[in-house]
C-alpha cells in the first residue's frame, strides 16, 4: 500500500505536471480533485510515457504528498504493536525509490516490491493470517488477496467503485476501524477467560 493510500499519488503527479507545463500556450492548471482516470488522461499536455516517467524520478519522492494523517496514524499503529508492511506494485526504478522513501519515513517497516513485469496483482503475496489486514485503493488487488480483512482505501474511483467490501476514506477512519477490531478481540478474550 503506497500509491493513493500512503502517498496521494494523484496530487503529487498533478503538482509535477502543473510545474512542468505551466509555460505552454495550451496549459490550464489542473486541480488533483479533477483527475479521475488511472492514466491521468486529464493532464492533456503530457503523454502516458511522460506521466509514467515521473514515477521513476527522485523528484517524485522529494515532492511526494502524503495522505492526511498517514504518518501519524502509521506511527501510532506501530507503537501499539502492529507490524507494518508496505506492498506495492511497480517497476524496478520506482520500487527502489519507494524502498528508500519508506525506509526514511518508517525505518521499522518492511517493504515488498511486486514486480509488474511478473505479476498482474498482489495475489501471490501470502496474507493468510487471521490477523492480517490489507489496505489498498485497488478493488482488484483486494478481491484477489487472501488477507483475512480487506479495506478499500480512499474515495471512489473507476478502479475501486465496484468493490463490495469495507471501505475507509481516510487514515483517521482506518485507525478507528482498527481500534474497533482491537476492542472486539479484547471482548472475545475476556469472554473466553470468563467461560473458563
N, C-alpha and C. Protein backbone atom coordinates (compact mmCIF):
# COMPACT_ATOMS: atom_id res chain seq x y z
N UNK A 1 0.83 -1.18 0.00
CA UNK A 1 0.00 0.00 0.00
C UNK A 1 0.88 1.25 0.00
N UNK A 2 0.97 1.85 -1.11
CA UNK A 2 1.68 3.13 -1.14
C UNK A 2 0.93 4.14 -2.01
N UNK A 3 0.79 3.85 -3.30
CA UNK A 3 0.12 4.80 -4.19
C UNK A 3 -1.35 4.93 -3.83
N UNK A 4 -1.77 6.17 -3.61
CA UNK A 4 -3.15 6.51 -3.28
C UNK A 4 -3.64 5.89 -1.97
N UNK A 5 -2.72 5.44 -1.15
CA UNK A 5 -3.05 5.06 0.22
C UNK A 5 -2.13 5.82 1.16
N UNK A 6 -0.84 5.59 1.09
CA UNK A 6 0.12 6.37 1.88
C UNK A 6 0.41 7.71 1.20
N UNK A 7 0.74 7.64 -0.07
CA UNK A 7 1.05 8.85 -0.85
C UNK A 7 -0.15 9.22 -1.70
N UNK A 8 -0.48 10.48 -1.68
CA UNK A 8 -1.53 10.98 -2.58
C UNK A 8 -0.88 11.13 -3.96
N UNK A 9 -0.81 10.03 -4.66
CA UNK A 9 -0.13 9.98 -5.95
C UNK A 9 -0.78 10.91 -6.96
N UNK A 10 -2.10 10.98 -6.94
CA UNK A 10 -2.79 11.85 -7.90
C UNK A 10 -2.39 13.31 -7.67
N UNK A 11 -2.36 13.74 -6.41
CA UNK A 11 -1.97 15.13 -6.10
C UNK A 11 -0.51 15.38 -6.46
N UNK A 12 0.35 14.40 -6.20
CA UNK A 12 1.78 14.56 -6.48
C UNK A 12 2.03 14.67 -7.98
N UNK A 13 1.47 13.76 -8.77
CA UNK A 13 1.66 13.79 -10.22
C UNK A 13 1.07 15.07 -10.81
N UNK A 14 -0.09 15.47 -10.33
CA UNK A 14 -0.72 16.70 -10.83
C UNK A 14 0.14 17.92 -10.53
N UNK A 15 0.73 17.95 -9.35
CA UNK A 15 1.62 19.05 -8.98
C UNK A 15 2.82 19.11 -9.92
N UNK A 16 3.44 17.97 -10.20
CA UNK A 16 4.58 17.93 -11.10
C UNK A 16 4.18 18.38 -12.51
N UNK A 17 3.04 17.91 -12.96
CA UNK A 17 2.54 18.29 -14.28
C UNK A 17 2.32 19.80 -14.35
N UNK A 18 1.67 20.38 -13.37
CA UNK A 18 1.41 21.83 -13.37
C UNK A 18 2.70 22.62 -13.38
N UNK A 19 3.74 22.13 -12.69
CA UNK A 19 5.04 22.79 -12.71
C UNK A 19 5.68 22.71 -14.09
N UNK A 20 5.63 21.54 -14.69
CA UNK A 20 6.35 21.30 -15.95
C UNK A 20 5.72 21.96 -17.16
N UNK A 21 4.41 22.12 -17.15
CA UNK A 21 3.73 22.59 -18.37
C UNK A 21 3.16 24.00 -18.24
N UNK A 22 3.46 24.70 -17.16
CA UNK A 22 2.83 26.00 -16.91
C UNK A 22 3.14 27.04 -17.97
N UNK A 23 4.23 26.93 -18.71
CA UNK A 23 4.58 27.94 -19.71
C UNK A 23 4.09 27.58 -21.11
N UNK A 24 3.41 26.46 -21.25
CA UNK A 24 2.90 26.05 -22.56
C UNK A 24 1.62 26.84 -22.88
N UNK A 25 1.45 27.17 -24.14
CA UNK A 25 0.33 28.04 -24.53
C UNK A 25 -1.04 27.41 -24.26
N UNK A 26 -1.15 26.10 -24.38
CA UNK A 26 -2.45 25.44 -24.17
C UNK A 26 -2.63 24.95 -22.74
N UNK A 27 -1.71 25.33 -21.86
CA UNK A 27 -1.78 24.86 -20.48
C UNK A 27 -2.93 25.49 -19.72
N UNK A 28 -3.60 24.67 -18.97
CA UNK A 28 -4.53 25.16 -17.96
C UNK A 28 -4.25 24.35 -16.70
N UNK A 29 -4.13 25.01 -15.55
CA UNK A 29 -3.81 24.28 -14.32
C UNK A 29 -4.90 23.26 -13.98
N UNK A 30 -4.46 22.12 -13.50
CA UNK A 30 -5.38 21.05 -13.14
C UNK A 30 -5.38 20.89 -11.63
N UNK A 31 -6.55 20.84 -11.05
CA UNK A 31 -6.69 20.51 -9.63
C UNK A 31 -6.73 18.99 -9.50
N UNK A 32 -5.99 18.44 -8.57
CA UNK A 32 -5.89 16.99 -8.48
C UNK A 32 -7.25 16.34 -8.22
N UNK A 33 -8.18 17.06 -7.62
CA UNK A 33 -9.53 16.51 -7.37
C UNK A 33 -10.26 16.21 -8.68
N UNK A 34 -9.82 16.85 -9.77
CA UNK A 34 -10.47 16.66 -11.07
C UNK A 34 -9.92 15.47 -11.85
N UNK A 35 -8.90 14.82 -11.32
CA UNK A 35 -8.31 13.65 -12.00
C UNK A 35 -9.05 12.40 -11.54
N UNK A 36 -9.67 11.73 -12.48
CA UNK A 36 -10.48 10.54 -12.17
C UNK A 36 -10.05 9.31 -12.93
N UNK A 37 -9.04 9.43 -13.79
CA UNK A 37 -8.64 8.29 -14.62
C UNK A 37 -7.31 7.71 -14.14
N UNK A 38 -7.17 6.41 -14.32
CA UNK A 38 -5.96 5.68 -13.91
C UNK A 38 -4.72 6.21 -14.63
N UNK A 39 -4.87 6.57 -15.90
CA UNK A 39 -3.74 7.00 -16.72
C UNK A 39 -3.57 8.52 -16.78
N UNK A 40 -4.23 9.25 -15.90
CA UNK A 40 -4.09 10.71 -15.82
C UNK A 40 -4.42 11.38 -17.16
N UNK A 41 -5.49 10.93 -17.78
CA UNK A 41 -5.89 11.49 -19.07
C UNK A 41 -6.22 12.98 -18.99
N UNK A 42 -6.57 13.46 -17.82
CA UNK A 42 -6.91 14.87 -17.64
C UNK A 42 -5.69 15.78 -17.82
N UNK A 43 -4.50 15.22 -17.69
CA UNK A 43 -3.27 16.00 -17.86
C UNK A 43 -2.92 15.99 -19.36
N UNK A 44 -3.67 16.77 -20.11
CA UNK A 44 -3.74 16.66 -21.56
C UNK A 44 -2.44 16.92 -22.30
N UNK A 45 -1.55 17.73 -21.76
CA UNK A 45 -0.32 18.06 -22.47
C UNK A 45 0.78 17.02 -22.31
N UNK A 46 0.60 16.09 -21.39
CA UNK A 46 1.62 15.07 -21.13
C UNK A 46 1.20 13.73 -21.73
N UNK A 47 2.13 13.07 -22.36
CA UNK A 47 1.86 11.73 -22.88
C UNK A 47 1.84 10.73 -21.72
N UNK A 48 1.33 9.56 -21.99
CA UNK A 48 1.32 8.49 -20.98
C UNK A 48 2.75 8.17 -20.54
N UNK A 49 3.67 8.12 -21.49
CA UNK A 49 5.08 7.85 -21.16
C UNK A 49 5.66 8.95 -20.28
N UNK A 50 5.30 10.19 -20.55
CA UNK A 50 5.80 11.31 -19.75
C UNK A 50 5.32 11.16 -18.30
N UNK A 51 4.04 10.85 -18.13
CA UNK A 51 3.48 10.65 -16.78
C UNK A 51 4.17 9.48 -16.10
N UNK A 52 4.32 8.36 -16.81
CA UNK A 52 4.97 7.19 -16.21
C UNK A 52 6.41 7.48 -15.80
N UNK A 53 7.07 8.36 -16.52
CA UNK A 53 8.45 8.72 -16.20
C UNK A 53 8.53 9.40 -14.82
N UNK A 54 7.51 10.15 -14.45
CA UNK A 54 7.51 10.79 -13.13
C UNK A 54 7.77 9.78 -12.01
N UNK A 55 7.18 8.59 -12.13
CA UNK A 55 7.26 7.59 -11.07
C UNK A 55 8.68 7.10 -10.84
N UNK A 56 9.55 7.27 -11.81
CA UNK A 56 10.92 6.76 -11.72
C UNK A 56 11.95 7.84 -11.43
N UNK A 57 11.49 9.02 -11.03
CA UNK A 57 12.39 10.13 -10.75
C UNK A 57 12.51 10.37 -9.25
N UNK A 58 13.72 10.68 -8.78
CA UNK A 58 13.86 11.08 -7.37
C UNK A 58 12.95 12.27 -7.02
N UNK A 59 12.70 13.12 -8.01
CA UNK A 59 11.84 14.29 -7.80
C UNK A 59 10.46 13.89 -7.29
N UNK A 60 9.92 12.79 -7.81
CA UNK A 60 8.60 12.32 -7.35
C UNK A 60 8.60 12.11 -5.84
N UNK A 61 9.65 11.49 -5.33
CA UNK A 61 9.71 11.17 -3.90
C UNK A 61 10.06 12.40 -3.06
N UNK A 62 10.83 13.32 -3.62
CA UNK A 62 11.12 14.56 -2.90
C UNK A 62 9.85 15.39 -2.71
N UNK A 63 8.98 15.34 -3.70
CA UNK A 63 7.78 16.18 -3.67
C UNK A 63 6.51 15.41 -3.32
N UNK A 64 6.67 14.15 -2.94
CA UNK A 64 5.51 13.31 -2.63
C UNK A 64 4.64 13.95 -1.55
N UNK A 65 3.35 13.94 -1.79
CA UNK A 65 2.37 14.48 -0.85
C UNK A 65 1.73 13.30 -0.13
N UNK A 66 1.95 13.22 1.17
CA UNK A 66 1.36 12.13 1.94
C UNK A 66 -0.13 12.37 2.13
N UNK A 67 -0.86 11.29 2.26
CA UNK A 67 -2.28 11.39 2.63
C UNK A 67 -2.37 12.01 4.03
N UNK A 68 -3.41 12.80 4.24
CA UNK A 68 -3.60 13.44 5.54
C UNK A 68 -3.56 12.41 6.66
N UNK A 69 -2.77 12.70 7.69
CA UNK A 69 -2.66 11.91 8.92
C UNK A 69 -2.00 10.55 8.75
N UNK A 70 -1.52 10.21 7.56
CA UNK A 70 -0.93 8.89 7.34
C UNK A 70 0.28 8.66 8.23
N UNK A 71 1.20 9.60 8.26
CA UNK A 71 2.42 9.45 9.03
C UNK A 71 2.12 9.22 10.51
N UNK A 72 1.26 10.05 11.06
CA UNK A 72 0.95 9.96 12.49
C UNK A 72 0.23 8.65 12.82
N UNK A 73 -0.74 8.28 12.01
CA UNK A 73 -1.52 7.07 12.29
C UNK A 73 -0.64 5.82 12.18
N UNK A 74 0.18 5.74 11.15
CA UNK A 74 1.05 4.57 10.99
C UNK A 74 2.01 4.47 12.16
N UNK A 75 2.58 5.59 12.58
CA UNK A 75 3.48 5.56 13.74
C UNK A 75 2.74 5.12 15.00
N UNK A 76 1.51 5.57 15.18
CA UNK A 76 0.74 5.14 16.37
C UNK A 76 0.44 3.65 16.31
N UNK A 77 0.08 3.15 15.12
CA UNK A 77 -0.20 1.71 14.99
C UNK A 77 1.05 0.89 15.31
N UNK A 78 2.19 1.36 14.84
CA UNK A 78 3.45 0.67 15.15
C UNK A 78 3.71 0.67 16.66
N UNK A 79 3.49 1.82 17.30
CA UNK A 79 3.72 1.93 18.74
C UNK A 79 2.78 1.02 19.53
N UNK A 80 1.62 0.70 18.96
CA UNK A 80 0.68 -0.20 19.63
C UNK A 80 0.95 -1.66 19.30
N UNK A 81 2.06 -1.92 18.60
CA UNK A 81 2.48 -3.29 18.39
C UNK A 81 2.08 -3.91 17.06
N UNK A 82 1.54 -3.13 16.16
CA UNK A 82 1.17 -3.66 14.84
C UNK A 82 2.40 -3.73 13.94
N UNK A 83 2.55 -4.82 13.21
CA UNK A 83 3.61 -4.93 12.22
C UNK A 83 3.15 -4.21 10.96
N UNK A 84 4.01 -3.35 10.45
CA UNK A 84 3.69 -2.55 9.28
C UNK A 84 4.49 -3.10 8.09
N UNK A 85 3.76 -3.50 7.05
CA UNK A 85 4.39 -3.99 5.82
C UNK A 85 3.77 -3.24 4.65
N UNK A 86 4.61 -2.61 3.86
CA UNK A 86 4.15 -1.94 2.65
C UNK A 86 4.36 -2.89 1.48
N UNK A 87 3.35 -3.01 0.66
CA UNK A 87 3.40 -3.89 -0.51
C UNK A 87 2.93 -3.07 -1.71
N UNK A 88 3.81 -2.92 -2.69
CA UNK A 88 3.48 -2.04 -3.80
C UNK A 88 3.85 -2.68 -5.13
N UNK A 89 2.99 -2.47 -6.12
CA UNK A 89 3.25 -2.94 -7.48
C UNK A 89 3.96 -1.83 -8.25
N UNK A 90 5.13 -2.17 -8.79
CA UNK A 90 5.87 -1.16 -9.53
C UNK A 90 6.99 -1.80 -10.34
N UNK A 91 7.56 -1.01 -11.22
CA UNK A 91 8.75 -1.43 -11.95
C UNK A 91 9.97 -1.09 -11.10
N UNK A 92 11.12 -1.65 -11.44
CA UNK A 92 12.28 -1.59 -10.54
C UNK A 92 12.75 -0.18 -10.16
N UNK A 93 12.84 0.81 -11.07
CA UNK A 93 13.30 2.12 -10.59
C UNK A 93 12.36 2.72 -9.55
N UNK A 94 11.06 2.60 -9.80
CA UNK A 94 10.07 3.11 -8.86
C UNK A 94 10.12 2.33 -7.55
N UNK A 95 10.32 1.02 -7.65
CA UNK A 95 10.42 0.19 -6.45
C UNK A 95 11.60 0.58 -5.59
N UNK A 96 12.73 0.87 -6.23
CA UNK A 96 13.92 1.30 -5.46
C UNK A 96 13.64 2.63 -4.77
N UNK A 97 13.00 3.55 -5.50
CA UNK A 97 12.64 4.84 -4.91
C UNK A 97 11.69 4.68 -3.74
N UNK A 98 10.69 3.82 -3.90
CA UNK A 98 9.74 3.59 -2.80
C UNK A 98 10.42 3.00 -1.59
N UNK A 99 11.32 2.05 -1.83
CA UNK A 99 12.03 1.42 -0.72
C UNK A 99 12.81 2.45 0.10
N UNK A 100 13.55 3.32 -0.57
CA UNK A 100 14.32 4.36 0.12
C UNK A 100 13.40 5.37 0.80
N UNK A 101 12.35 5.76 0.12
CA UNK A 101 11.39 6.71 0.67
C UNK A 101 10.75 6.16 1.94
N UNK A 102 10.30 4.91 1.90
CA UNK A 102 9.65 4.30 3.05
C UNK A 102 10.62 4.08 4.21
N UNK A 103 11.85 3.68 3.89
CA UNK A 103 12.86 3.48 4.93
C UNK A 103 13.12 4.78 5.67
N UNK A 104 13.11 5.92 4.95
CA UNK A 104 13.30 7.21 5.58
C UNK A 104 12.16 7.61 6.51
N UNK A 105 10.94 7.25 6.14
CA UNK A 105 9.78 7.61 6.96
C UNK A 105 9.49 6.59 8.06
N UNK A 106 9.63 5.31 7.72
CA UNK A 106 9.24 4.23 8.63
C UNK A 106 10.36 3.18 8.70
N UNK A 107 11.44 3.46 9.43
CA UNK A 107 12.57 2.53 9.44
C UNK A 107 12.22 1.15 10.01
N UNK A 108 11.13 1.06 10.74
CA UNK A 108 10.70 -0.20 11.36
C UNK A 108 9.87 -1.07 10.40
N UNK A 109 9.45 -0.52 9.27
CA UNK A 109 8.52 -1.23 8.38
C UNK A 109 9.25 -2.09 7.36
N UNK A 110 8.54 -3.10 6.87
CA UNK A 110 9.05 -3.94 5.78
C UNK A 110 8.45 -3.43 4.47
N UNK A 111 9.14 -3.74 3.37
CA UNK A 111 8.65 -3.35 2.05
C UNK A 111 8.72 -4.54 1.12
N UNK A 112 7.61 -4.82 0.45
CA UNK A 112 7.54 -5.87 -0.57
C UNK A 112 7.25 -5.20 -1.90
N UNK A 113 8.18 -5.36 -2.85
CA UNK A 113 8.01 -4.81 -4.18
C UNK A 113 7.46 -5.90 -5.08
N UNK A 114 6.27 -5.70 -5.61
CA UNK A 114 5.67 -6.64 -6.55
C UNK A 114 6.04 -6.18 -7.96
N UNK A 115 6.88 -6.94 -8.61
CA UNK A 115 7.38 -6.59 -9.93
C UNK A 115 6.25 -6.70 -10.96
N UNK A 116 5.90 -5.57 -11.55
CA UNK A 116 4.79 -5.54 -12.51
C UNK A 116 5.11 -6.26 -13.81
N UNK A 117 6.39 -6.59 -14.04
CA UNK A 117 6.74 -7.38 -15.22
C UNK A 117 6.35 -8.84 -15.02
N UNK A 118 6.21 -9.25 -13.76
CA UNK A 118 5.92 -10.66 -13.46
C UNK A 118 4.49 -10.89 -12.98
N UNK A 119 3.89 -9.90 -12.33
CA UNK A 119 2.60 -10.11 -11.67
C UNK A 119 1.58 -9.05 -12.07
N UNK A 120 0.33 -9.45 -12.17
CA UNK A 120 -0.76 -8.53 -12.51
C UNK A 120 -1.45 -7.96 -11.29
N UNK A 121 -1.26 -8.61 -10.14
CA UNK A 121 -1.87 -8.15 -8.90
C UNK A 121 -1.01 -8.64 -7.73
N UNK A 122 -1.55 -8.58 -6.53
CA UNK A 122 -0.78 -8.96 -5.33
C UNK A 122 -1.21 -10.32 -4.77
N UNK A 123 -1.91 -11.10 -5.57
CA UNK A 123 -2.49 -12.36 -5.08
C UNK A 123 -1.44 -13.39 -4.65
N UNK A 124 -0.23 -13.30 -5.16
CA UNK A 124 0.81 -14.26 -4.79
C UNK A 124 1.43 -13.96 -3.42
N UNK A 125 1.14 -12.79 -2.86
CA UNK A 125 1.65 -12.44 -1.54
C UNK A 125 0.77 -13.11 -0.50
N UNK A 126 1.36 -13.93 0.33
CA UNK A 126 0.59 -14.66 1.34
C UNK A 126 0.23 -13.73 2.50
N UNK A 127 -1.03 -13.41 2.60
CA UNK A 127 -1.54 -12.60 3.70
C UNK A 127 -2.52 -13.41 4.53
N UNK A 128 -2.40 -14.73 4.46
CA UNK A 128 -3.36 -15.63 5.07
C UNK A 128 -3.06 -15.84 6.55
N UNK A 129 -3.36 -14.82 7.31
CA UNK A 129 -3.25 -14.87 8.76
C UNK A 129 -4.53 -14.27 9.31
N UNK A 130 -5.04 -14.84 10.39
CA UNK A 130 -6.33 -14.34 10.88
C UNK A 130 -6.24 -12.90 11.37
N UNK A 131 -5.04 -12.39 11.53
CA UNK A 131 -4.90 -11.00 11.99
C UNK A 131 -4.45 -10.06 10.88
N UNK A 132 -4.21 -10.58 9.67
CA UNK A 132 -3.70 -9.70 8.62
C UNK A 132 -4.81 -8.78 8.10
N UNK A 133 -4.44 -7.53 7.93
CA UNK A 133 -5.35 -6.52 7.42
C UNK A 133 -4.68 -5.89 6.20
N UNK A 134 -5.34 -5.95 5.07
CA UNK A 134 -4.79 -5.46 3.81
C UNK A 134 -5.56 -4.22 3.39
N UNK A 135 -4.82 -3.13 3.17
CA UNK A 135 -5.42 -1.85 2.78
C UNK A 135 -4.91 -1.50 1.39
N UNK A 136 -5.81 -1.22 0.47
CA UNK A 136 -5.42 -0.89 -0.90
C UNK A 136 -6.51 -0.04 -1.52
N UNK A 137 -6.15 0.73 -2.55
CA UNK A 137 -7.18 1.51 -3.25
C UNK A 137 -7.68 0.78 -4.48
N UNK A 138 -7.09 -0.38 -4.81
CA UNK A 138 -7.48 -1.15 -5.99
C UNK A 138 -8.45 -2.27 -5.61
N UNK A 139 -9.63 -2.21 -6.18
CA UNK A 139 -10.61 -3.27 -5.93
C UNK A 139 -10.10 -4.63 -6.36
N UNK A 140 -9.40 -4.70 -7.50
CA UNK A 140 -8.89 -5.97 -8.00
C UNK A 140 -7.86 -6.57 -7.04
N UNK A 141 -6.94 -5.75 -6.55
CA UNK A 141 -5.95 -6.25 -5.59
C UNK A 141 -6.62 -6.80 -4.34
N UNK A 142 -7.66 -6.13 -3.88
CA UNK A 142 -8.37 -6.59 -2.69
C UNK A 142 -9.10 -7.90 -2.96
N UNK A 143 -9.76 -7.98 -4.09
CA UNK A 143 -10.54 -9.17 -4.41
C UNK A 143 -9.67 -10.41 -4.58
N UNK A 144 -8.46 -10.25 -5.10
CA UNK A 144 -7.60 -11.41 -5.35
C UNK A 144 -6.71 -11.76 -4.16
N UNK A 145 -6.72 -10.95 -3.13
CA UNK A 145 -5.87 -11.20 -1.96
C UNK A 145 -6.49 -12.25 -1.04
N UNK A 146 -5.64 -12.98 -0.32
CA UNK A 146 -6.15 -13.94 0.67
C UNK A 146 -6.08 -13.38 2.09
N UNK A 147 -5.98 -12.07 2.22
CA UNK A 147 -5.94 -11.43 3.54
C UNK A 147 -7.25 -11.68 4.28
N UNK A 148 -7.16 -11.79 5.59
CA UNK A 148 -8.35 -12.03 6.41
C UNK A 148 -9.28 -10.83 6.39
N UNK A 149 -8.71 -9.65 6.45
CA UNK A 149 -9.51 -8.41 6.48
C UNK A 149 -9.01 -7.52 5.36
N UNK A 150 -9.94 -7.06 4.53
CA UNK A 150 -9.59 -6.23 3.38
C UNK A 150 -10.33 -4.90 3.46
N UNK A 151 -9.56 -3.84 3.30
CA UNK A 151 -10.13 -2.49 3.39
C UNK A 151 -9.81 -1.74 2.10
N UNK A 152 -10.83 -1.24 1.45
CA UNK A 152 -10.63 -0.36 0.30
C UNK A 152 -10.41 1.05 0.84
N UNK A 153 -9.32 1.68 0.41
CA UNK A 153 -8.95 2.98 0.96
C UNK A 153 -9.28 4.10 0.00
N UNK A 154 -9.83 5.16 0.54
CA UNK A 154 -9.99 6.41 -0.20
C UNK A 154 -11.31 6.55 -0.93
N UNK A 155 -11.33 7.57 -1.75
CA UNK A 155 -12.54 7.93 -2.48
C UNK A 155 -12.87 6.91 -3.57
N UNK A 156 -14.07 7.02 -4.09
CA UNK A 156 -14.50 6.17 -5.20
C UNK A 156 -13.82 6.61 -6.49
N UNK A 157 -13.20 5.64 -7.15
CA UNK A 157 -12.60 5.85 -8.46
C UNK A 157 -13.04 4.70 -9.34
N UNK A 158 -12.89 4.82 -10.66
CA UNK A 158 -13.28 3.70 -11.53
C UNK A 158 -12.61 2.38 -11.16
N UNK A 159 -11.40 2.43 -10.59
CA UNK A 159 -10.69 1.19 -10.26
C UNK A 159 -11.08 0.60 -8.91
N UNK A 160 -12.03 1.24 -8.21
CA UNK A 160 -12.46 0.63 -6.94
C UNK A 160 -13.95 0.84 -6.64
N UNK A 161 -14.66 1.51 -7.52
CA UNK A 161 -16.05 1.87 -7.21
C UNK A 161 -16.96 0.65 -7.09
N UNK A 162 -16.59 -0.47 -7.70
CA UNK A 162 -17.42 -1.66 -7.62
C UNK A 162 -17.02 -2.61 -6.50
N UNK A 163 -16.00 -2.23 -5.72
CA UNK A 163 -15.58 -3.10 -4.62
C UNK A 163 -16.68 -3.14 -3.58
N UNK A 164 -17.08 -4.34 -3.19
CA UNK A 164 -18.24 -4.52 -2.32
C UNK A 164 -17.83 -4.98 -0.93
N UNK A 165 -16.82 -4.35 -0.38
CA UNK A 165 -16.36 -4.71 0.97
C UNK A 165 -16.23 -3.47 1.82
N UNK A 166 -15.50 -3.61 2.91
CA UNK A 166 -15.30 -2.49 3.82
C UNK A 166 -14.45 -1.40 3.15
N UNK A 167 -14.72 -0.16 3.52
CA UNK A 167 -14.01 0.99 2.95
C UNK A 167 -13.72 2.00 4.05
N UNK A 168 -12.51 2.54 4.02
CA UNK A 168 -12.14 3.65 4.89
C UNK A 168 -11.70 4.80 4.00
N UNK A 169 -12.21 5.98 4.29
CA UNK A 169 -11.98 7.13 3.42
C UNK A 169 -10.76 7.95 3.82
N UNK A 170 -10.21 7.70 5.00
CA UNK A 170 -9.06 8.48 5.47
C UNK A 170 -8.26 7.63 6.45
N UNK A 171 -7.08 8.12 6.81
CA UNK A 171 -6.26 7.40 7.78
C UNK A 171 -6.88 7.42 9.18
N UNK A 172 -7.54 8.51 9.53
CA UNK A 172 -8.22 8.53 10.84
C UNK A 172 -9.37 7.54 10.85
N UNK A 173 -10.08 7.44 9.75
CA UNK A 173 -11.15 6.45 9.60
C UNK A 173 -10.59 5.04 9.75
N UNK A 174 -9.45 4.78 9.11
CA UNK A 174 -8.80 3.47 9.21
C UNK A 174 -8.35 3.17 10.63
N UNK A 175 -7.81 4.18 11.30
CA UNK A 175 -7.37 3.99 12.69
C UNK A 175 -8.56 3.61 13.58
N UNK A 176 -9.69 4.25 13.40
CA UNK A 176 -10.89 3.92 14.18
C UNK A 176 -11.37 2.50 13.87
N UNK A 177 -11.29 2.12 12.61
CA UNK A 177 -11.67 0.77 12.19
C UNK A 177 -10.81 -0.26 12.93
N UNK A 178 -9.50 -0.03 12.96
CA UNK A 178 -8.58 -0.95 13.64
C UNK A 178 -8.83 -0.96 15.14
N UNK A 179 -9.10 0.19 15.73
CA UNK A 179 -9.42 0.25 17.16
C UNK A 179 -10.68 -0.55 17.47
N UNK A 180 -11.67 -0.49 16.60
CA UNK A 180 -12.89 -1.28 16.80
C UNK A 180 -12.57 -2.77 16.75
N UNK A 181 -11.70 -3.17 15.82
CA UNK A 181 -11.29 -4.58 15.75
C UNK A 181 -10.56 -5.01 17.02
N UNK A 182 -9.69 -4.15 17.49
CA UNK A 182 -8.94 -4.44 18.73
C UNK A 182 -9.91 -4.60 19.91
N UNK A 183 -10.89 -3.72 20.00
CA UNK A 183 -11.87 -3.80 21.09
C UNK A 183 -12.70 -5.07 21.00
N UNK A 184 -13.08 -5.47 19.77
CA UNK A 184 -13.83 -6.72 19.59
C UNK A 184 -12.99 -7.91 20.03
N UNK A 185 -11.71 -7.93 19.67
CA UNK A 185 -10.82 -9.03 20.06
C UNK A 185 -10.64 -9.07 21.57
N UNK A 186 -10.54 -7.90 22.20
CA UNK A 186 -10.40 -7.83 23.65
C UNK A 186 -11.65 -8.37 24.34
N UNK A 187 -12.81 -8.03 23.81
CA UNK A 187 -14.07 -8.53 24.36
C UNK A 187 -14.15 -10.05 24.23
N UNK A 188 -13.71 -10.58 23.07
CA UNK A 188 -13.73 -12.03 22.87
C UNK A 188 -12.80 -12.74 23.84
N UNK A 189 -11.61 -12.15 24.05
CA UNK A 189 -10.67 -12.74 25.00
C UNK A 189 -11.23 -12.74 26.41
N UNK A 190 -11.87 -11.64 26.79
CA UNK A 190 -12.46 -11.53 28.12
C UNK A 190 -13.58 -12.55 28.30
N UNK A 191 -14.40 -12.70 27.28
CA UNK A 191 -15.49 -13.70 27.34
C UNK A 191 -14.93 -15.11 27.47
N UNK A 192 -13.86 -15.41 26.73
CA UNK A 192 -13.23 -16.72 26.82
C UNK A 192 -12.67 -16.97 28.22
N UNK A 193 -12.04 -15.96 28.82
CA UNK A 193 -11.49 -16.11 30.18
C UNK A 193 -12.62 -16.31 31.18
N UNK A 194 -13.72 -15.59 31.00
CA UNK A 194 -14.87 -15.73 31.91
C UNK A 194 -15.48 -17.12 31.81
N UNK A 195 -15.47 -17.68 30.58
CA UNK A 195 -16.04 -19.01 30.38
C UNK A 195 -15.21 -20.09 31.06
N UNK A 196 -13.91 -19.83 31.21
CA UNK A 196 -13.04 -20.82 31.86
C UNK A 196 -13.13 -20.61 33.33
